[in-house]
């Protein structure tokens, strides 16, 4: 958790609730290591943290996402 990044986010009106303050380049690196997985993406999304949902969008397989999930 990066408290300084969270303060920076709040400065720009990004809600600091449910966030770890991890920068997107790090999330991209994590996503590459994880590879593609719809099941993993669903679990990450359900956690509800800003970063887990970003990683979920990076590792998901678009053809496996239902219309209901898109909504």
Protein backbone atom coordinates (compact mmCIF):
# COMPACT_ATOMS: atom_id res chain seq x y z
CA UNK A 1 0.00 0.00 0.00
CA UNK A 2 1.37 3.39 -1.00
CA UNK A 3 -0.06 6.04 1.31
CA UNK A 4 1.58 8.88 -0.65
CA UNK A 5 -0.03 7.70 -3.88
CA UNK A 6 -3.40 7.51 -2.14
CA UNK A 7 -3.03 11.11 -0.92
CA UNK A 8 -2.09 12.16 -4.46
CA UNK A 9 -5.18 10.41 -5.85
CA UNK A 10 -7.42 12.16 -3.30
CA UNK A 11 -5.96 15.49 -4.40
CA UNK A 12 -7.49 14.85 -7.84
CA UNK A 13 -10.83 13.75 -6.38
CA UNK A 14 -10.13 10.04 -6.88
CA UNK A 15 -11.81 8.38 -3.92
CA UNK A 16 -9.21 6.80 -1.69
CA UNK A 17 -11.64 4.10 -0.53
CA UNK A 18 -10.70 0.54 -1.43
CA UNK A 19 -7.41 1.34 -3.08
CA UNK A 20 -3.79 0.39 -2.50
CA UNK A 21 -2.26 3.25 -4.47
CA UNK A 22 -0.40 0.95 -6.87
CA UNK A 23 0.61 2.63 -10.13
CA UNK A 24 -0.71 1.33 -13.46
CA UNK A 25 2.72 0.31 -14.86
CA UNK A 26 3.13 -2.03 -11.89
CA UNK A 27 -0.38 -3.40 -12.44
CA UNK A 28 0.49 -4.04 -16.11
CA UNK A 29 3.58 -5.96 -15.04
CA UNK A 30 1.55 -8.06 -12.62
CA UNK A 31 -1.06 -8.72 -15.31
CA UNK A 32 1.57 -9.93 -17.78
CA UNK A 33 2.92 -12.37 -15.21
CA UNK A 34 -0.57 -13.68 -14.44
CA UNK A 35 -1.58 -14.22 -18.06
CA UNK A 36 -5.13 -14.35 -19.39
CA UNK A 37 -7.86 -15.95 -17.26
CA UNK A 38 -11.57 -15.20 -17.16
CA UNK A 39 -12.02 -17.06 -13.87
CA UNK A 40 -9.20 -15.10 -12.20
CA UNK A 41 -10.60 -11.84 -13.60
CA UNK A 42 -13.98 -12.58 -12.02
CA UNK A 43 -12.41 -13.24 -8.63
CA UNK A 44 -10.27 -10.11 -8.80
CA UNK A 45 -13.28 -7.99 -9.79
CA UNK A 46 -15.34 -9.34 -6.89
CA UNK A 47 -12.70 -8.13 -4.42
CA UNK A 48 -13.79 -4.61 -5.32
CA UNK A 49 -10.49 -2.78 -4.92
CA UNK A 50 -9.54 -0.24 -7.58
CA UNK A 51 -6.35 -2.11 -8.44
CA UNK A 52 -7.85 -5.60 -8.44
CA UNK A 53 -10.55 -4.42 -10.84
CA UNK A 54 -7.94 -2.81 -13.12
CA UNK A 55 -5.92 -6.05 -13.17
CA UNK A 56 -9.15 -7.98 -13.80
CA UNK A 57 -9.77 -5.90 -16.91
CA UNK A 58 -6.23 -6.62 -18.09
CA UNK A 59 -6.30 -10.40 -17.59
CA UNK A 60 -9.85 -11.13 -18.69
CA UNK A 61 -10.68 -12.80 -21.98
CA UNK A 62 -13.13 -10.53 -23.84
CA UNK A 63 -14.91 -13.38 -25.65
CA UNK A 64 -15.77 -14.95 -22.29
CA UNK A 65 -17.31 -11.83 -20.75
CA UNK A 66 -21.11 -11.95 -20.74
CA UNK A 67 -23.35 -8.98 -21.46
CA UNK A 68 -24.50 -9.12 -17.83
CA UNK A 69 -20.91 -8.78 -16.64
CA UNK A 70 -20.34 -5.85 -18.96
CA UNK A 71 -23.25 -4.04 -17.37
